[in-house]
């Protein structure tokens, strides 16, 4: 089952670097604040903790996914900047569809995820409260994955004889600039740019336990219509996530999840900010089958350490319905 919902990156604009000081002098503390909120909110879904993402699945199955996640975060700024008490929260509903198929005898999947959020952020800038509230669609996510080792394409009837050992796969995820965006606002749910994330997945079964590692990198195109015609750039975000999954005879499985990500430094109108990320997050995922076609998943994630001292926590639930493939 696919994890749906959002996770929030941790960012900060620091006055320690001369480039950031110049950016703040040019754009003002409010712009610096909202660039940080922007970088945080826009990372939603970019480095999601997703156990069993490359698990082998019988071909011809369809999955309908609905979910909800609540995320809260706090941004810690350099004391030399006139920004304090920067907080935000986001409630997100997610609808997704996935289909499993075979390529050259290898199992593969395609999925699309469409999130809709209500976002609220506030901070004190130069002694004045600044607010941003909005609701709308995020950019949709499209992903194709293939398991090219250890996961042959099997029908539902053939699948009971399959037992995982070492599995290696890869995926390519693309976000399209179709979400809510207003160039007169500094923070939006849509990115007004494309992103692409290639990822490698490695999964090793050890009895009822599975250990998974998935390194990846996300590349971004530029937003050339940021803040009334400005240019917003972001360097690649490198990430590696790991999961330890235990499966029970009842079909329930429990995972301990972790991710480390680094990079994604932002540049505004040619001035690079001190927004380099180097953070970790951890959490747990519990999946419970309801019947042959339905299952429910619960998950909780939080920041464990960060370069910026920022915290973000998420709680979510997802429902999955599957059909097809002679199932």
Protein backbone atom coordinates (compact mmCIF):
# COMPACT_ATOMS: atom_id res chain seq x y z
CA UNK A 1 0.00 0.00 0.00
CA UNK A 2 1.21 3.47 -0.78
CA UNK A 3 1.79 6.04 1.87
CA UNK A 4 -0.26 9.09 1.13
CA UNK A 5 -0.04 12.47 2.76
CA UNK A 6 2.67 14.97 3.26
CA UNK A 7 5.81 15.54 5.06
CA UNK A 8 7.37 18.97 5.67
CA UNK A 9 11.02 19.91 5.11
CA UNK A 10 12.83 22.00 7.71
CA UNK A 11 14.37 25.25 6.49
CA UNK A 12 15.80 28.51 7.82
CA UNK A 13 17.07 31.79 6.43
CA UNK A 14 20.20 32.63 8.45
CA UNK A 15 21.84 36.05 8.65
CA UNK A 16 25.25 34.44 9.14
CA UNK A 17 26.02 34.38 5.41
CA UNK A 18 26.60 37.55 3.40
CA UNK A 19 24.40 36.26 0.55
CA UNK A 20 21.44 35.88 2.86
CA UNK A 21 22.00 39.28 4.44
CA UNK A 22 21.95 40.79 0.95
CA UNK A 23 18.77 38.92 0.11
CA UNK A 24 17.09 40.14 3.30
CA UNK A 25 18.19 43.73 2.63
CA UNK A 26 16.84 43.54 -0.88
CA UNK A 27 13.64 41.67 -0.21
CA UNK A 28 12.86 42.46 3.43
CA UNK A 29 12.47 40.18 6.44
CA UNK A 30 8.93 39.24 5.39
CA UNK A 31 10.18 37.82 2.08
CA UNK A 32 12.91 35.90 3.92
CA UNK A 33 10.27 34.48 6.25
CA UNK A 34 7.99 33.38 3.49
CA UNK A 35 10.81 31.90 1.40
CA UNK A 36 11.48 29.68 4.41
CA UNK A 37 7.78 28.80 4.72
CA UNK A 38 7.65 28.26 0.98
CA UNK A 39 10.61 25.89 0.96
CA UNK A 40 9.10 23.99 3.87
CA UNK A 41 5.55 23.68 2.57
CA UNK A 42 6.64 22.90 -0.98
CA UNK A 43 8.72 19.96 0.11
CA UNK A 44 5.44 18.24 0.99
CA UNK A 45 5.62 14.77 -0.50
CA UNK A 46 9.12 15.22 -1.86
CA UNK A 47 10.81 13.00 0.67
CA UNK A 48 7.95 10.90 1.93
CA UNK A 49 8.66 7.97 4.22
CA UNK A 50 7.19 5.09 2.28
CA UNK A 51 7.81 1.52 3.49
CA UNK A 52 7.17 -1.37 1.10
CA UNK A 53 7.26 0.97 -1.88
CA UNK A 54 8.99 -1.66 -4.04
CA UNK A 55 7.17 -4.73 -2.76
CA UNK A 56 6.25 -7.22 -5.49
CA UNK A 57 2.57 -7.06 -6.48
CA UNK A 58 0.55 -9.34 -8.80
CA UNK A 59 0.03 -7.80 -12.24
CA UNK A 60 -3.33 -6.38 -13.26
CA UNK A 61 -4.34 -5.05 -9.84
CA UNK A 62 -5.83 -1.59 -9.33
CA UNK A 63 -5.62 0.43 -6.12
CA UNK A 64 -7.81 3.33 -5.01
CA UNK A 65 -6.30 5.29 -2.13
CA UNK A 66 -7.80 7.92 0.14
CA UNK A 67 -5.99 9.55 3.04
CA UNK A 68 -5.74 12.38 5.53
CA UNK A 69 -2.68 13.83 7.26
CA UNK A 70 -2.14 16.66 9.73
CA UNK A 71 1.27 18.36 9.79
CA UNK A 72 2.62 21.00 12.16
CA UNK A 73 5.98 22.74 11.96
CA UNK A 74 8.03 25.50 13.58
CA UNK A 75 10.79 27.53 11.95
CA UNK A 76 13.73 28.77 14.04
CA UNK A 77 15.45 31.88 12.64
CA UNK A 78 18.84 33.43 13.36
CA UNK A 79 18.49 35.83 16.34
CA UNK A 80 19.88 38.69 14.21
CA UNK A 81 16.80 38.55 11.97
CA UNK A 82 13.63 40.33 13.17
CA UNK A 83 11.55 37.16 12.82
CA UNK A 84 10.11 35.19 15.73
CA UNK A 85 7.39 32.67 16.55
CA UNK A 86 7.15 31.26 13.00
CA UNK A 87 4.71 28.37 12.95
CA UNK A 88 2.48 26.65 10.43
CA UNK A 89 0.07 23.75 10.19
CA UNK A 90 -1.48 21.93 7.27
CA UNK A 91 -4.39 19.52 6.91
CA UNK A 92 -4.27 17.46 3.73
CA UNK A 93 -6.72 15.11 2.03
CA UNK A 94 -5.23 12.81 -0.60
CA UNK A 95 -6.74 10.80 -3.44
CA UNK A 96 -4.64 8.35 -5.39
CA UNK A 97 -4.80 5.58 -7.98
CA UNK A 98 -2.25 2.87 -8.80
CA UNK A 99 -2.04 0.04 -11.30
CA UNK A 100 0.37 -2.93 -11.35
CA UNK A 101 1.62 -4.44 -14.59
CA UNK A 102 4.56 -6.29 -16.11
CA UNK A 103 7.47 -5.12 -18.30
CA UNK A 104 9.70 -7.73 -19.93
CA UNK A 105 8.74 -10.20 -17.23
CA UNK A 106 9.41 -7.74 -14.38
CA UNK A 107 6.79 -6.35 -12.02
CA UNK A 108 6.01 -2.65 -12.32
CA UNK A 109 3.54 -0.03 -11.05
CA UNK A 110 2.19 3.33 -12.06
CA UNK A 111 0.49 5.68 -9.61
CA UNK A 112 -0.87 9.20 -9.42
CA UNK A 113 -1.45 11.17 -6.20
CA UNK A 114 -3.51 14.37 -5.90
CA UNK A 115 -3.33 16.20 -2.51
CA UNK A 116 -5.65 19.00 -1.38
CA UNK A 117 -4.60 21.07 1.65
CA UNK A 118 -5.67 23.76 4.03
CA UNK A 119 -2.55 25.68 5.12
CA UNK A 120 -2.07 28.31 7.82
CA UNK A 121 1.21 30.00 8.79
CA UNK A 122 2.10 32.96 10.96
CA UNK A 123 5.12 34.76 12.40
CA UNK A 124 6.15 38.01 14.02
CA UNK A 125 8.22 40.20 11.67
CA UNK A 126 9.64 43.46 12.99
CA UNK A 127 7.15 43.29 15.84
CA UNK A 128 4.17 42.83 13.51
CA UNK A 129 2.17 39.64 12.98
CA UNK A 130 2.20 38.22 9.44
CA UNK A 131 -0.31 35.57 8.37
CA UNK A 132 -0.90 33.34 5.37
CA UNK A 133 -3.94 31.10 4.99
CA UNK A 134 -4.91 29.18 1.87
CA UNK A 135 -6.66 26.10 0.58
CA UNK A 136 -6.24 24.31 -2.70
CA UNK A 137 -4.56 21.53 -4.64
CA UNK A 138 -0.87 20.71 -4.49
CA UNK A 139 0.90 19.76 -7.70
CA UNK A 140 -0.12 16.19 -8.63
CA UNK A 141 2.52 13.46 -8.41
CA UNK A 142 3.02 10.81 -11.10
CA UNK A 143 5.31 7.85 -10.52
CA UNK A 144 6.39 4.78 -12.47
CA UNK A 145 8.46 2.02 -10.85
CA UNK A 146 9.89 -1.31 -11.94
CA UNK A 147 11.51 -4.13 -9.96
CA UNK A 148 14.28 -5.35 -12.23
CA UNK A 149 15.71 -8.00 -9.86
CA UNK A 150 14.01 -10.49 -7.56
CA UNK A 151 10.39 -9.59 -8.36
CA UNK A 152 9.06 -11.26 -11.52
CA UNK A 153 5.71 -10.29 -13.02
CA UNK A 154 3.20 -12.83 -11.65
CA UNK A 155 -0.54 -13.27 -11.89
CA UNK A 156 -2.74 -13.46 -8.80
CA UNK A 157 -2.87 -17.26 -9.15
CA UNK A 158 0.93 -17.56 -9.47
CA UNK A 159 1.72 -15.15 -6.65
CA UNK A 160 1.18 -17.48 -3.63
CA UNK A 161 4.29 -19.44 -4.68
CA UNK A 162 6.47 -16.32 -4.65
CA UNK A 163 8.79 -15.65 -1.70
CA UNK A 164 10.91 -12.52 -1.59
CA UNK A 165 14.66 -12.65 -1.06
CA UNK A 166 16.69 -9.72 -2.44
CA UNK A 167 14.69 -7.21 -4.47
CA UNK A 168 16.11 -4.28 -6.44
CA UNK A 169 14.00 -1.71 -8.23
CA UNK A 170 13.90 1.88 -9.39
CA UNK A 171 11.29 4.58 -9.82
CA UNK A 172 10.80 7.95 -11.45
CA UNK A 173 8.44 10.48 -9.87
CA UNK A 174 7.35 13.71 -11.57
CA UNK A 175 5.32 16.60 -10.16
CA UNK A 176 3.50 18.83 -12.65
CA UNK A 177 2.87 22.57 -12.05
CA UNK A 178 -0.91 22.25 -11.85
CA UNK A 179 -1.54 23.13 -8.20
CA UNK A 180 -2.91 26.32 -6.63
CA UNK A 181 -0.60 29.25 -7.45
CA UNK A 182 -0.88 33.03 -7.23
CA UNK A 183 2.22 35.01 -8.20
CA UNK A 184 1.12 37.91 -5.97
CA UNK A 185 1.49 35.63 -2.93
CA UNK A 186 4.82 34.47 -1.52
CA UNK A 187 3.54 31.10 -0.29
CA UNK A 188 1.43 28.79 -2.43
CA UNK A 189 0.49 25.13 -2.41
CA UNK A 190 1.50 24.70 -6.05
CA UNK A 191 5.14 25.11 -7.09
CA UNK A 192 4.74 26.70 -10.55
CA UNK A 193 7.63 24.49 -11.63
CA UNK A 194 8.38 20.87 -12.46
CA UNK A 195 10.28 18.43 -10.29
CA UNK A 196 11.63 15.00 -11.07
CA UNK A 197 12.89 12.38 -8.62
CA UNK A 198 14.72 9.22 -9.70
CA UNK A 199 15.09 6.70 -6.86
CA UNK A 200 16.69 3.31 -6.30
CA UNK A 201 15.01 0.76 -4.04
CA UNK A 202 16.71 -2.22 -2.34
CA UNK A 203 14.74 -4.64 -0.16
CA UNK A 204 16.04 -7.75 1.63
CA UNK A 205 13.78 -10.28 3.34
CA UNK A 206 15.00 -12.02 6.51
CA UNK A 207 12.23 -14.38 7.54
CA UNK A 208 9.28 -12.29 8.67
CA UNK A 209 11.47 -9.16 8.63
CA UNK A 210 12.31 -6.94 5.65
CA UNK A 211 15.05 -4.29 5.53
CA UNK A 212 14.69 -1.58 2.91
CA UNK A 213 16.93 1.26 1.68
CA UNK A 214 15.94 3.81 -0.97
CA UNK A 215 18.36 6.59 -2.03
CA UNK A 216 17.08 9.28 -4.39
CA UNK A 217 17.55 12.82 -5.66
CA UNK A 218 14.96 15.46 -6.60
CA UNK A 219 15.67 18.01 -9.34
CA UNK A 220 13.69 21.25 -9.76
CA UNK A 221 13.09 23.61 -12.64
CA UNK A 222 13.04 27.34 -11.87
CA UNK A 223 9.93 29.28 -10.92
CA UNK A 224 10.29 32.42 -13.07
CA UNK A 225 7.08 34.02 -11.81
CA UNK A 226 7.74 34.15 -8.07
CA UNK A 227 6.59 37.22 -6.12
CA UNK A 228 5.46 39.20 -9.20
CA UNK A 229 8.05 38.08 -11.71
CA UNK A 230 10.99 37.11 -9.51
CA UNK A 231 13.04 33.97 -10.04
CA UNK A 232 13.07 31.24 -7.41
CA UNK A 233 15.63 28.45 -7.83
CA UNK A 234 16.39 25.38 -5.76
CA UNK A 235 19.36 23.03 -5.95
CA UNK A 236 18.80 19.24 -5.95
CA UNK A 237 17.58 17.55 -2.77
CA UNK A 238 19.42 14.31 -1.94
CA UNK A 239 17.71 11.79 0.30
CA UNK A 240 18.00 8.25 1.60
CA UNK A 241 15.24 6.51 3.49
CA UNK A 242 15.39 3.22 5.38
CA UNK A 243 12.73 0.93 6.83
CA UNK A 244 12.64 -2.15 9.02
CA UNK A 245 9.36 -3.99 8.44
CA UNK A 246 7.90 -6.89 10.40
CA UNK A 247 5.06 -8.90 8.90
CA UNK A 248 2.61 -10.89 11.02
CA UNK A 249 0.74 -14.06 10.07
CA UNK A 250 -2.54 -12.13 10.18
CA UNK A 251 -1.37 -9.88 7.33
CA UNK A 252 -0.69 -6.91 9.62
CA UNK A 253 2.70 -5.30 9.17
CA UNK A 254 4.58 -2.72 11.24
CA UNK A 255 7.48 -0.57 10.04
CA UNK A 256 10.02 1.68 11.72
CA UNK A 257 10.96 4.41 9.25
CA UNK A 258 13.72 6.96 8.88
CA UNK A 259 14.96 9.44 6.28
CA UNK A 260 17.94 11.75 5.87
CA UNK A 261 17.91 14.53 3.31
CA UNK A 262 20.38 17.21 2.34
CA UNK A 263 20.64 20.00 -0.22
CA UNK A 264 17.80 22.05 -1.75
CA UNK A 265 19.49 25.41 -1.15
CA UNK A 266 17.29 28.23 -2.46
CA UNK A 267 18.19 31.23 -4.62
CA UNK A 268 15.97 34.29 -4.99
CA UNK A 269 16.62 36.68 -7.89
CA UNK A 270 20.20 35.43 -8.19
CA UNK A 271 21.02 35.75 -4.48
CA UNK A 272 21.70 32.45 -2.77
CA UNK A 273 20.29 31.96 0.72
CA UNK A 274 21.71 30.06 3.67
CA UNK A 275 18.91 27.49 3.34
CA UNK A 276 20.92 24.30 2.87
CA UNK A 277 19.02 21.43 4.46
CA UNK A 278 20.59 18.60 6.43
CA UNK A 279 17.84 16.93 8.41
CA UNK A 280 16.50 13.59 9.59
CA UNK A 281 12.98 12.39 10.30
CA UNK A 282 11.70 9.19 11.82
CA UNK A 283 8.40 7.47 12.45
CA UNK A 284 6.30 4.34 12.45
CA UNK A 285 3.74 2.85 10.04
CA UNK A 286 1.07 0.27 10.87
CA UNK A 287 -0.99 -1.44 8.14
CA UNK A 288 -4.07 -3.50 9.01
CA UNK A 289 -6.00 -5.56 6.42
CA UNK A 290 -9.78 -5.31 6.79
CA UNK A 291 -10.76 -7.92 4.19
CA UNK A 292 -9.50 -9.20 0.82
CA UNK A 293 -10.02 -5.83 -0.84
CA UNK A 294 -9.64 -3.23 1.90
CA UNK A 295 -6.86 -2.18 4.25
CA UNK A 296 -6.12 0.77 6.53
CA UNK A 297 -2.76 2.30 7.35
CA UNK A 298 -1.79 4.58 10.24
CA UNK A 299 1.45 6.54 10.42
CA UNK A 300 3.22 9.11 12.57
CA UNK A 301 6.43 10.95 11.65
CA UNK A 302 8.48 13.64 13.34
CA UNK A 303 11.77 15.49 13.08
CA UNK A 304 14.60 13.80 14.96
CA UNK A 305 17.45 16.22 14.23
CA UNK A 306 18.07 19.10 11.88
CA UNK A 307 20.72 21.57 10.85
CA UNK A 308 18.24 24.36 11.40
CA UNK A 309 16.69 23.27 14.71
CA UNK A 310 13.27 23.22 13.08
CA UNK A 311 10.60 20.70 14.01
CA UNK A 312 7.81 19.15 11.96
CA UNK A 313 5.39 16.39 12.96
CA UNK A 314 2.78 14.48 10.95
CA UNK A 315 -0.09 12.14 11.83
CA UNK A 316 -2.03 10.37 9.11
CA UNK A 317 -4.41 7.62 8.08
CA UNK A 318 -4.93 6.05 4.67
CA UNK A 319 -7.50 3.64 3.25
CA UNK A 320 -6.84 1.40 0.26
CA UNK A 321 -9.24 -0.57 -1.93
CA UNK A 322 -7.92 -3.03 -4.53
CA UNK A 323 -9.55 -4.87 -7.41
CA UNK A 324 -8.79 -6.44 -10.79
CA UNK A 325 -6.31 -9.00 -12.04
CA UNK A 326 -8.80 -11.83 -11.48
CA UNK A 327 -8.56 -11.09 -7.77
